[in-house]
Amino acid sequence: MKIAFDAKRFFHNTSGLGNYSRDLVRILAEYFPENEYILMNKNKSERGADIVNKPNVHFVETSKGTMSRQLKMGKDAQKQNADIFHGLSGELPFKWDKKPIKKIVTIHDLIFIRYPQYYSFFDRKIHLWKFKKAANTADKIIAISEQTKRDIIQYLKVPESKIEVIYQGCHKSFKEQQSSELTQITKEKFSLPERFILNVGTIEDRKNLLNIVKAIKGTDIPLVVVGKKTKYFTKIQDFIKKNKLENQVHFLEGVSMEELAMIYKSADIFVYPSFFEGFGIPVIEALFSKTVTITSNTSCLPEAGGPDSVYIDPNNYLDIQSKIKFLWDNESERKRRADKGFEFVQKFNDKPIANELMNLYQKIL
């Protein structure tokens, strides 16, 4: 079987969609080496180089020209004799020739419809048009959570029978056991506190970091934050300065994936009070790291967190505060929930996800 992928995100996105794309191709190439995997884009980068170097993975440069991703990539995949074209980020090419090829698209979330205030009018219109077109063109749609499946049915008016829920995993670093020496080096490099709570994710309104900062005000609990800053960061900064929390909140930059895995493992508690997610990879990163997790009782987050994470109302910083304090002061409860969470998160391991993907590919051929 020959599977072609729209690899724009694979090569050019550092987080979310990029991690999904790289992990998906990596696990398929490892567990089903008999197939050929073609990464299509107008250029490549150093991201995912270890995957591109696998013998069954090949980069193919797409035809040049305006909007080549939309107008030429599909036909280029057909010229490569691909059996399946998989759009990894909610889009499919618009143009195809008559050569048979099956089409799959992964839709991660429809947050731009649910929370329009986070997007410009123009972006919302373009996203909706592209997603609707891809959903209509595809033979099958992969939703990365039951929440996303419900949203696709509701907002894109797609029949349920056309959608398969296949969860995503996370980077292999979170599943590896790093040495205590390396962990200590990482702690020293980033001047990590002896004990701390952790938040990981883009620093933007939807991820709701401000309510964590409000929750630790009046406590002596250190907070470590890893994430790309947006203009929302100034709101956080203003609150920190006003309340003299500069020594309590630590923002880290230049963190590699391996270092991030060690930071997760060093944290006492992972806190993720996002208002809405399509899936919430940081939650499973924490669970694989055996770090107890506090997250929102909304959207797909209970799907990712399982029965033993601790759930909060993301709008209520006092609820967040009481759950943080409860776990911070209770080591045996942290350990119990972390162990149970680690058992639960095995369903998001590479092998079961690779099997589900391959079953879907085989089913549509």
Foldseek 3Di string as FASTA:
>chain_A
DEEEEACPLCAPPDDDLVQQVLLLLQLLCVPPVVYAYEHEEQDGHCRSVVSCPRPRYHYDHWDDDPPCQQATRQQVCVVVVGQEYEYRELAHHDDYDPRHHAYEYEYLALVCVVPVVVDDPVVNVVSLVRNLSSLVRHQAYEQQFVLRLVVCCVPSVHDSVRYDHFHAFGDCLLQDDDDPVVLVVLCVVQVPDQEAEEEEEALDVQQQVQLQVVLCQVHQHAYEYEHHYDPSVVVSVVVCVVRVCVVRYHYDPPADPNSVSSVLLSYQEYEGAGPETSACNVLLSNLSSLHAYEYAPDRCDCVSQDDLHHYDHSVDSNRVNVVCVVSVVDPVSRNVSSVVSNVVSCCNDSVVSSVVVVVVVVVVD
